[in-house]
């Protein structure tokens, strides 16, 4: 994952020396990541919009007997 400040450097078509972009290849800090459930909309390529990244509530599981 790229940091926003590295976007222009990484996407620069004039870069031919990998040493200029190697710092962009460091692992992203996992403590800055968040996981959450999303809609099944992500399973269809035609759904290419921000709704695919929207967090949805977790459905209540079936009632338990015990």
C-alpha atoms as a PDB file:
ATOM      1  CA  UNK A   1       0.000   0.000   0.000  1.00  0.00           C
ATOM      2  CA  UNK A   2       1.327   3.370  -0.944  1.00  0.00           C
ATOM      3  CA  UNK A   3       1.304   6.415   1.266  1.00  0.00           C
ATOM      4  CA  UNK A   4      -0.504   9.320  -0.418  1.00  0.00           C
ATOM      5  CA  UNK A   5       2.713  11.352  -0.462  1.00  0.00           C
ATOM      6  CA  UNK A   6       4.316   8.614  -2.631  1.00  0.00           C
ATOM      7  CA  UNK A   7       1.613   8.487  -5.338  1.00  0.00           C
ATOM      8  CA  UNK A   8       3.250  10.928  -7.739  1.00  0.00           C
ATOM      9  CA  UNK A   9       6.668   9.328  -7.447  1.00  0.00           C
ATOM     10  CA  UNK A  10       5.318   5.791  -7.897  1.00  0.00           C
ATOM     11  CA  UNK A  11       3.204   6.744 -10.914  1.00  0.00           C
ATOM     12  CA  UNK A  12       5.870   8.878 -12.623  1.00  0.00           C
ATOM     13  CA  UNK A  13       6.460   7.241 -16.039  1.00  0.00           C
ATOM     14  CA  UNK A  14       9.869   8.957 -16.265  1.00  0.00           C
ATOM     15  CA  UNK A  15      11.327   6.927 -13.384  1.00  0.00           C
ATOM     16  CA  UNK A  16      13.671   4.277 -14.771  1.00  0.00           C
ATOM     17  CA  UNK A  17      15.933   3.756 -11.758  1.00  0.00           C
ATOM     18  CA  UNK A  18      14.229   1.463  -9.237  1.00  0.00           C
ATOM     19  CA  UNK A  19      16.359   2.908  -6.442  1.00  0.00           C
ATOM     20  CA  UNK A  20      14.252   6.087  -6.594  1.00  0.00           C
ATOM     21  CA  UNK A  21      11.070   4.195  -5.715  1.00  0.00           C
ATOM     22  CA  UNK A  22      12.382   1.373  -3.525  1.00  0.00           C
ATOM     23  CA  UNK A  23      11.387   3.260  -0.352  1.00  0.00           C
ATOM     24  CA  UNK A  24       7.774   3.065  -1.554  1.00  0.00           C
ATOM     25  CA  UNK A  25       7.919  -0.722  -1.205  1.00  0.00           C
ATOM     26  CA  UNK A  26       8.151  -0.802   2.579  1.00  0.00           C
ATOM     27  CA  UNK A  27       5.337  -2.658   4.373  1.00  0.00           C
ATOM     28  CA  UNK A  28       2.410  -0.504   5.419  1.00  0.00           C
ATOM     29  CA  UNK A  29       2.032  -0.103   9.173  1.00  0.00           C
ATOM     30  CA  UNK A  30      -0.624  -2.659  10.178  1.00  0.00           C
ATOM     31  CA  UNK A  31      -1.645  -0.552  13.175  1.00  0.00           C
ATOM     32  CA  UNK A  32      -2.960   2.060  10.717  1.00  0.00           C
ATOM     33  CA  UNK A  33      -5.197  -0.474   8.962  1.00  0.00           C
ATOM     34  CA  UNK A  34      -8.805  -1.169   9.803  1.00  0.00           C
ATOM     35  CA  UNK A  35     -10.913  -4.166   8.902  1.00  0.00           C
ATOM     36  CA  UNK A  36     -14.676  -4.156   8.723  1.00  0.00           C
ATOM     37  CA  UNK A  37     -17.461  -5.994   6.935  1.00  0.00           C
ATOM     38  CA  UNK A  38     -18.554  -4.718   3.529  1.00  0.00           C
ATOM     39  CA  UNK A  39     -21.481  -5.475   1.276  1.00  0.00           C
ATOM     40  CA  UNK A  40     -21.470  -8.340  -1.205  1.00  0.00           C
ATOM     41  CA  UNK A  41     -21.472  -5.562  -3.846  1.00  0.00           C
ATOM     42  CA  UNK A  42     -17.700  -6.008  -3.927  1.00  0.00           C
ATOM     43  CA  UNK A  43     -18.208  -9.372  -5.626  1.00  0.00           C
ATOM     44  CA  UNK A  44     -19.353  -7.777  -8.911  1.00  0.00           C
ATOM     45  CA  UNK A  45     -16.927  -5.863 -11.144  1.00  0.00           C
ATOM     46  CA  UNK A  46     -19.662  -3.545 -12.419  1.00  0.00           C
ATOM     47  CA  UNK A  47     -20.023  -2.179  -8.877  1.00  0.00           C
ATOM     48  CA  UNK A  48     -16.974   0.065  -9.058  1.00  0.00           C
ATOM     49  CA  UNK A  49     -17.939   2.824  -6.653  1.00  0.00           C
ATOM     50  CA  UNK A  50     -17.439   4.030  -3.093  1.00  0.00           C
ATOM     51  CA  UNK A  51     -20.381   1.978  -1.852  1.00  0.00           C
ATOM     52  CA  UNK A  52     -18.137  -1.090  -2.091  1.00  0.00           C
ATOM     53  CA  UNK A  53     -15.932   0.296   0.679  1.00  0.00           C
ATOM     54  CA  UNK A  54     -18.762   1.385   2.968  1.00  0.00           C
ATOM     55  CA  UNK A  55     -18.821  -0.390   6.325  1.00  0.00           C
ATOM     56  CA  UNK A  56     -21.992  -2.357   6.979  1.00  0.00           C
ATOM     57  CA  UNK A  57     -23.330  -3.604  10.305  1.00  0.00           C
ATOM     58  CA  UNK A  58     -22.839  -7.264  11.055  1.00  0.00           C
ATOM     59  CA  UNK A  59     -26.149  -9.086  10.869  1.00  0.00           C
ATOM     60  CA  UNK A  60     -27.350 -10.653  14.098  1.00  0.00           C
ATOM     61  CA  UNK A  61     -26.737 -14.392  14.059  1.00  0.00           C
ATOM     62  CA  UNK A  62     -29.586 -16.842  14.469  1.00  0.00           C
ATOM     63  CA  UNK A  63     -31.012 -16.958  18.011  1.00  0.00           C
ATOM     64  CA  UNK A  64     -29.187 -19.312  20.335  1.00  0.00           C
ATOM     65  CA  UNK A  65     -30.942 -21.990  22.347  1.00  0.00           C
ATOM     66  CA  UNK A  66     -28.369 -21.802  25.156  1.00  0.00           C
END
